[in-house]
Amino acid sequence: VGAALPVDVLTYEEKTLSAILRVTSSGLVKLWSALTLLGFYQNRRCAFRVLQTSPFLLALSGNSRELVL
């Protein structure tokens, strides 16, 4: 209510409870703030951990620290 922000859920893994979200660069701070303020969902405590951000979707597909040549 009051403001809306388009967010796409590109992938979601129920096993690890992790997801890849896509948002415009101008909406990143708003999304991050909203996730920070959300402490309960459907009367259950919840928390979010941001593991990685990138302006390029391809950069999220792998981890350069685990790259083997």
PDB file of N, CA and C in Angstrom:
ATOM      1  N   VAL A   1       0.851  -1.171   0.000  1.00  0.00           N
ATOM      2  CA  VAL A   1       0.000   0.000   0.000  1.00  0.00           C
ATOM      3  C   VAL A   1       0.895   1.232   0.000  1.00  0.00           C
ATOM      4  N   GLY A   2       0.595   2.161  -0.854  1.00  0.00           N
ATOM      5  CA  GLY A   2       1.349   3.402  -0.874  1.00  0.00           C
ATOM      6  C   GLY A   2       2.422   3.436  -1.936  1.00  0.00           C
ATOM      7  N   ALA A   3       3.103   2.338  -2.167  1.00  0.00           N
ATOM      8  CA  ALA A   3       4.157   2.293  -3.174  1.00  0.00           C
ATOM      9  C   ALA A   3       4.275   0.878  -3.706  1.00  0.00           C
ATOM     10  N   ALA A   4       4.643   0.787  -4.944  1.00  0.00           N
ATOM     11  CA  ALA A   4       4.816  -0.532  -5.555  1.00  0.00           C
ATOM     12  C   ALA A   4       6.151  -0.556  -6.286  1.00  0.00           C
ATOM     13  N   LEU A   5       6.745  -1.724  -6.317  1.00  0.00           N
ATOM     14  CA  LEU A   5       8.042  -1.894  -6.957  1.00  0.00           C
ATOM     15  C   LEU A   5       8.022  -3.224  -7.701  1.00  0.00           C
ATOM     16  N   PRO A   6       8.214  -3.208  -9.020  1.00  0.00           N
ATOM     17  CA  PRO A   6       8.215  -4.482  -9.743  1.00  0.00           C
ATOM     18  C   PRO A   6       9.468  -5.302  -9.423  1.00  0.00           C
ATOM     19  N   VAL A   7       9.259  -6.516  -8.949  1.00  0.00           N
ATOM     20  CA  VAL A   7      10.350  -7.430  -8.613  1.00  0.00           C
ATOM     21  C   VAL A   7      10.047  -8.765  -9.265  1.00  0.00           C
ATOM     22  N   ASP A   8      11.021  -9.323  -9.960  1.00  0.00           N
ATOM     23  CA  ASP A   8      10.862 -10.632 -10.590  1.00  0.00           C
ATOM     24  C   ASP A   8      11.615 -11.674  -9.774  1.00  0.00           C
ATOM     25  N   VAL A   9      10.970 -12.806  -9.506  1.00  0.00           N
ATOM     26  CA  VAL A   9      11.638 -13.950  -8.877  1.00  0.00           C
ATOM     27  C   VAL A   9      12.069 -14.848 -10.026  1.00  0.00           C
ATOM     28  N   LEU A  10      13.373 -14.852 -10.311  1.00  0.00           N
ATOM     29  CA  LEU A  10      13.888 -15.619 -11.447  1.00  0.00           C
ATOM     30  C   LEU A  10      14.045 -17.092 -11.109  1.00  0.00           C
ATOM     31  N   THR A  11      14.560 -17.381  -9.935  1.00  0.00           N
ATOM     32  CA  THR A  11      14.678 -18.772  -9.478  1.00  0.00           C
ATOM     33  C   THR A  11      14.377 -18.816  -7.995  1.00  0.00           C
ATOM     34  N   TYR A  12      13.885 -19.964  -7.553  1.00  0.00           N
ATOM     35  CA  TYR A  12      13.658 -20.186  -6.129  1.00  0.00           C
ATOM     36  C   TYR A  12      13.945 -21.651  -5.834  1.00  0.00           C
ATOM     37  N   GLU A  13      14.783 -21.898  -4.850  1.00  0.00           N
ATOM     38  CA  GLU A  13      15.115 -23.255  -4.436  1.00  0.00           C
ATOM     39  C   GLU A  13      14.544 -23.481  -3.044  1.00  0.00           C
ATOM     40  N   GLU A  14      13.538 -24.313  -2.966  1.00  0.00           N
ATOM     41  CA  GLU A  14      12.883 -24.558  -1.684  1.00  0.00           C
ATOM     42  C   GLU A  14      13.804 -25.301  -0.723  1.00  0.00           C
ATOM     43  N   LYS A  15      14.678 -26.138  -1.262  1.00  0.00           N
ATOM     44  CA  LYS A  15      15.601 -26.914  -0.423  1.00  0.00           C
ATOM     45  C   LYS A  15      16.525 -25.998   0.390  1.00  0.00           C
ATOM     46  N   THR A  16      17.055 -24.974  -0.253  1.00  0.00           N
ATOM     47  CA  THR A  16      17.980 -24.058   0.418  1.00  0.00           C
ATOM     48  C   THR A  16      17.311 -22.749   0.825  1.00  0.00           C
ATOM     49  N   LEU A  17      16.037 -22.592   0.464  1.00  0.00           N
ATOM     50  CA  LEU A  17      15.295 -21.352   0.731  1.00  0.00           C
ATOM     51  C   LEU A  17      16.023 -20.136   0.164  1.00  0.00           C
ATOM     52  N   SER A  18      16.540 -20.285  -1.058  1.00  0.00           N
ATOM     53  CA  SER A  18      17.247 -19.173  -1.689  1.00  0.00           C
ATOM     54  C   SER A  18      16.572 -18.823  -3.010  1.00  0.00           C
ATOM     55  N   ALA A  19      16.721 -17.578  -3.392  1.00  0.00           N
ATOM     56  CA  ALA A  19      16.084 -17.091  -4.615  1.00  0.00           C
ATOM     57  C   ALA A  19      16.982 -16.071  -5.293  1.00  0.00           C
ATOM     58  N   ILE A  20      16.765 -15.918  -6.579  1.00  0.00           N
ATOM     59  CA  ILE A  20      17.396 -14.843  -7.344  1.00  0.00           C
ATOM     60  C   ILE A  20      16.278 -13.889  -7.729  1.00  0.00           C
ATOM     61  N   LEU A  21      16.424 -12.644  -7.290  1.00  0.00           N
ATOM     62  CA  LEU A  21      15.430 -11.605  -7.568  1.00  0.00           C
ATOM     63  C   LEU A  21      16.004 -10.620  -8.568  1.00  0.00           C
ATOM     64  N   ARG A  22      15.144 -10.116  -9.441  1.00  0.00           N
ATOM     65  CA  ARG A  22      15.573  -9.089 -10.392  1.00  0.00           C
ATOM     66  C   ARG A  22      14.759  -7.833 -10.139  1.00  0.00           C
ATOM     67  N   VAL A  23      15.475  -6.726 -10.020  1.00  0.00           N
ATOM     68  CA  VAL A  23      14.845  -5.437  -9.782  1.00  0.00           C
ATOM     69  C   VAL A  23      15.664  -4.386 -10.533  1.00  0.00           C
ATOM     70  N   THR A  24      15.024  -3.305 -10.925  1.00  0.00           N
ATOM     71  CA  THR A  24      15.777  -2.234 -11.585  1.00  0.00           C
ATOM     72  C   THR A  24      16.785  -1.642 -10.607  1.00  0.00           C
ATOM     73  N   SER A  25      17.840  -1.084 -11.139  1.00  0.00           N
ATOM     74  CA  SER A  25      18.884  -0.530 -10.267  1.00  0.00           C
ATOM     75  C   SER A  25      18.336   0.586  -9.380  1.00  0.00           C
ATOM     76  N   SER A  26      17.362   1.312  -9.878  1.00  0.00           N
ATOM     77  CA  SER A  26      16.775   2.389  -9.064  1.00  0.00           C
ATOM     78  C   SER A  26      15.920   1.837  -7.924  1.00  0.00           C
ATOM     79  N   GLY A  27      15.505   0.575  -8.002  1.00  0.00           N
ATOM     80  CA  GLY A  27      14.680  -0.021  -6.959  1.00  0.00           C
ATOM     81  C   GLY A  27      15.440  -0.871  -5.970  1.00  0.00           C
ATOM     82  N   LEU A  28      16.765  -1.007  -6.158  1.00  0.00           N
ATOM     83  CA  LEU A  28      17.554  -1.880  -5.291  1.00  0.00           C
ATOM     84  C   LEU A  28      17.507  -1.447  -3.827  1.00  0.00           C
ATOM     85  N   VAL A  29      17.691  -0.185  -3.561  1.00  0.00           N
ATOM     86  CA  VAL A  29      17.688   0.301  -2.180  1.00  0.00           C
ATOM     87  C   VAL A  29      16.310   0.118  -1.548  1.00  0.00           C
ATOM     88  N   LYS A  30      15.271   0.343  -2.315  1.00  0.00           N
ATOM     89  CA  LYS A  30      13.915   0.167  -1.790  1.00  0.00           C
ATOM     90  C   LYS A  30      13.635  -1.293  -1.451  1.00  0.00           C
ATOM     91  N   LEU A  31      14.037  -2.202  -2.340  1.00  0.00           N
ATOM     92  CA  LEU A  31      13.843  -3.631  -2.079  1.00  0.00           C
ATOM     93  C   LEU A  31      14.649  -4.070  -0.870  1.00  0.00           C
ATOM     94  N   TRP A  32      15.900  -3.660  -0.804  1.00  0.00           N
ATOM     95  CA  TRP A  32      16.773  -4.027   0.314  1.00  0.00           C
ATOM     96  C   TRP A  32      16.179  -3.518   1.622  1.00  0.00           C
ATOM     97  N   SER A  33      15.673  -2.310   1.621  1.00  0.00           N
ATOM     98  CA  SER A  33      15.055  -1.738   2.823  1.00  0.00           C
ATOM     99  C   SER A  33      13.807  -2.514   3.228  1.00  0.00           C
ATOM    100  N   ALA A  34      12.989  -2.878   2.251  1.00  0.00           N
ATOM    101  CA  ALA A  34      11.768  -3.622   2.547  1.00  0.00           C
ATOM    102  C   ALA A  34      12.097  -4.989   3.141  1.00  0.00           C
ATOM    103  N   LEU A  35      13.096  -5.664   2.596  1.00  0.00           N
ATOM    104  CA  LEU A  35      13.491  -6.969   3.139  1.00  0.00           C
ATOM    105  C   LEU A  35      14.063  -6.834   4.545  1.00  0.00           C
ATOM    106  N   THR A  36      14.770  -5.753   4.792  1.00  0.00           N
ATOM    107  CA  THR A  36      15.338  -5.521   6.118  1.00  0.00           C
ATOM    108  C   THR A  36      14.250  -5.293   7.155  1.00  0.00           C
ATOM    109  N   LEU A  37      13.206  -4.587   6.776  1.00  0.00           N
ATOM    110  CA  LEU A  37      12.140  -4.263   7.720  1.00  0.00           C
ATOM    111  C   LEU A  37      11.168  -5.410   7.967  1.00  0.00           C
ATOM    112  N   LEU A  38      11.141  -6.394   7.072  1.00  0.00           N
ATOM    113  CA  LEU A  38      10.216  -7.514   7.221  1.00  0.00           C
ATOM    114  C   LEU A  38      10.780  -8.515   8.228  1.00  0.00           C
ATOM    115  N   GLY A  39      10.129  -8.665   9.361  1.00  0.00           N
ATOM    116  CA  GLY A  39      10.595  -9.577  10.400  1.00  0.00           C
ATOM    117  C   GLY A  39       9.684 -10.766  10.624  1.00  0.00           C
ATOM    118  N   PHE A  40       8.435 -10.636  10.181  1.00  0.00           N
ATOM    119  CA  PHE A  40       7.469 -11.726  10.314  1.00  0.00           C
ATOM    120  C   PHE A  40       6.688 -11.859   9.013  1.00  0.00           C
ATOM    121  N   TYR A  41       6.378 -13.091   8.644  1.00  0.00           N
ATOM    122  CA  TYR A  41       5.520 -13.357   7.488  1.00  0.00           C
ATOM    123  C   TYR A  41       4.587 -14.490   7.861  1.00  0.00           C
ATOM    124  N   GLN A  42       3.294 -14.248   7.781  1.00  0.00           N
ATOM    125  CA  GLN A  42       2.257 -15.201   8.164  1.00  0.00           C
ATOM    126  C   GLN A  42       2.509 -15.752   9.583  1.00  0.00           C
ATOM    127  N   ASN A  43       2.761 -14.825  10.503  1.00  0.00           N
ATOM    128  CA  ASN A  43       3.011 -15.120  11.919  1.00  0.00           C
ATOM    129  C   ASN A  43       4.228 -16.006  12.165  1.00  0.00           C
ATOM    130  N   ARG A  44       5.153 -16.023  11.229  1.00  0.00           N
ATOM    131  CA  ARG A  44       6.406 -16.763  11.406  1.00  0.00           C
ATOM    132  C   ARG A  44       7.565 -15.801  11.254  1.00  0.00           C
ATOM    133  N   ARG A  45       8.540 -15.925  12.120  1.00  0.00           N
ATOM    134  CA  ARG A  45       9.718 -15.065  12.067  1.00  0.00           C
ATOM    135  C   ARG A  45      10.514 -15.372  10.805  1.00  0.00           C
ATOM    136  N   CYS A  46      11.020 -14.332  10.158  1.00  0.00           N
ATOM    137  CA  CYS A  46      11.823 -14.540   8.957  1.00  0.00           C
ATOM    138  C   CYS A  46      12.952 -13.519   8.906  1.00  0.00           C
ATOM    139  N   ALA A  47      13.969 -13.854   8.135  1.00  0.00           N
ATOM    140  CA  ALA A  47      15.112 -12.963   7.933  1.00  0.00           C
ATOM    141  C   ALA A  47      15.649 -13.214   6.536  1.00  0.00           C
ATOM    142  N   PHE A  48      16.256 -12.203   5.959  1.00  0.00           N
ATOM    143  CA  PHE A  48      16.809 -12.307   4.615  1.00  0.00           C
ATOM    144  C   PHE A  48      18.296 -12.007   4.665  1.00  0.00           C
ATOM    145  N   ARG A  49      19.047 -12.722   3.864  1.00  0.00           N
ATOM    146  CA  ARG A  49      20.492 -12.502   3.767  1.00  0.00           C
ATOM    147  C   ARG A  49      20.809 -12.298   2.291  1.00  0.00           C
ATOM    148  N   VAL A  50      21.377 -11.153   1.956  1.00  0.00           N
ATOM    149  CA  VAL A  50      21.773 -10.868   0.581  1.00  0.00           C
ATOM    150  C   VAL A  50      23.175 -11.423   0.392  1.00  0.00           C
ATOM    151  N   LEU A  51      23.303 -12.375  -0.525  1.00  0.00           N
ATOM    152  CA  LEU A  51      24.586 -13.022  -0.750  1.00  0.00           C
ATOM    153  C   LEU A  51      25.396 -12.337  -1.834  1.00  0.00           C
ATOM    154  N   GLN A  52      24.697 -11.775  -2.821  1.00  0.00           N
ATOM    155  CA  GLN A  52      25.415 -11.182  -3.939  1.00  0.00           C
ATOM    156  C   GLN A  52      24.496 -10.232  -4.686  1.00  0.00           C
ATOM    157  N   THR A  53      25.049  -9.154  -5.198  1.00  0.00           N
ATOM    158  CA  THR A  53      24.315  -8.257  -6.086  1.00  0.00           C
ATOM    159  C   THR A  53      25.161  -8.018  -7.318  1.00  0.00           C
ATOM    160  N   SER A  54      24.515  -7.758  -8.436  1.00  0.00           N
ATOM    161  CA  SER A  54      25.238  -7.497  -9.669  1.00  0.00           C
ATOM    162  C   SER A  54      24.331  -6.782 -10.651  1.00  0.00           C
ATOM    163  N   PRO A  55      24.887  -5.857 -11.430  1.00  0.00           N
ATOM    164  CA  PRO A  55      24.088  -5.231 -12.482  1.00  0.00           C
ATOM    165  C   PRO A  55      23.939  -6.152 -13.694  1.00  0.00           C
ATOM    166  N   PHE A  56      24.687  -7.274 -13.701  1.00  0.00           N
ATOM    167  CA  PHE A  56      24.662  -8.203 -14.825  1.00  0.00           C
ATOM    168  C   PHE A  56      24.169  -9.566 -14.353  1.00  0.00           C
ATOM    169  N   LEU A  57      23.116 -10.061 -14.978  1.00  0.00           N
ATOM    170  CA  LEU A  57      22.530 -11.342 -14.598  1.00  0.00           C
ATOM    171  C   LEU A  57      23.515 -12.489 -14.782  1.00  0.00           C
ATOM    172  N   LEU A  58      24.338 -12.444 -15.804  1.00  0.00           N
ATOM    173  CA  LEU A  58      25.292 -13.506 -16.071  1.00  0.00           C
ATOM    174  C   LEU A  58      26.305 -13.650 -14.936  1.00  0.00           C
ATOM    175  N   ALA A  59      26.626 -12.563 -14.268  1.00  0.00           N
ATOM    176  CA  ALA A  59      27.589 -12.610 -13.169  1.00  0.00           C
ATOM    177  C   ALA A  59      27.071 -13.427 -11.992  1.00  0.00           C
ATOM    178  N   LEU A  60      25.752 -13.588 -11.872  1.00  0.00           N
ATOM    179  CA  LEU A  60      25.180 -14.348 -10.769  1.00  0.00           C
ATOM    180  C   LEU A  60      25.156 -15.846 -11.037  1.00  0.00           C
ATOM    181  N   SER A  61      25.467 -16.259 -12.272  1.00  0.00           N
ATOM    182  CA  SER A  61      25.365 -17.671 -12.633  1.00  0.00           C
ATOM    183  C   SER A  61      26.518 -18.503 -12.092  1.00  0.00           C
ATOM    184  N   GLY A  62      27.624 -17.890 -11.746  1.00  0.00           N
ATOM    185  CA  GLY A  62      28.764 -18.640 -11.240  1.00  0.00           C
ATOM    186  C   GLY A  62      29.514 -17.849 -10.197  1.00  0.00           C
ATOM    187  N   ASN A  63      30.437 -18.526  -9.563  1.00  0.00           N
ATOM    188  CA  ASN A  63      31.255 -17.895  -8.534  1.00  0.00           C
ATOM    189  C   ASN A  63      32.695 -17.887  -9.021  1.00  0.00           C
ATOM    190  N   SER A  64      33.258 -16.708  -9.260  1.00  0.00           N
ATOM    191  CA  SER A  64      34.611 -16.608  -9.779  1.00  0.00           C
ATOM    192  C   SER A  64      35.647 -17.153  -8.799  1.00  0.00           C
ATOM    193  N   ARG A  65      35.310 -17.233  -7.539  1.00  0.00           N
ATOM    194  CA  ARG A  65      36.252 -17.766  -6.553  1.00  0.00           C
ATOM    195  C   ARG A  65      36.370 -19.281  -6.634  1.00  0.00           C
ATOM    196  N   GLU A  66      35.399 -19.919  -7.268  1.00  0.00           N
ATOM    197  CA  GLU A  66      35.422 -21.368  -7.418  1.00  0.00           C
ATOM    198  C   GLU A  66      35.816 -21.780  -8.829  1.00  0.00           C
ATOM    199  N   LEU A  67      36.284 -20.826  -9.632  1.00  0.00           N
ATOM    200  CA  LEU A  67      36.639 -21.081 -11.018  1.00  0.00           C
ATOM    201  C   LEU A  67      37.884 -21.956 -11.092  1.00  0.00           C
ATOM    202  N   VAL A  68      37.796 -23.027 -11.857  1.00  0.00           N
ATOM    203  CA  VAL A  68      38.931 -23.920 -12.068  1.00  0.00           C
ATOM    204  C   VAL A  68      39.300 -23.864 -13.539  1.00  0.00           C
ATOM    205  N   LEU A  69      40.565 -23.562 -13.826  1.00  0.00           N
ATOM    206  CA  LEU A  69      41.029 -23.481 -15.208  1.00  0.00           C
ATOM    207  C   LEU A  69      41.731 -24.743 -15.614  1.00  0.00           C
TER     208      LEU A  69
END
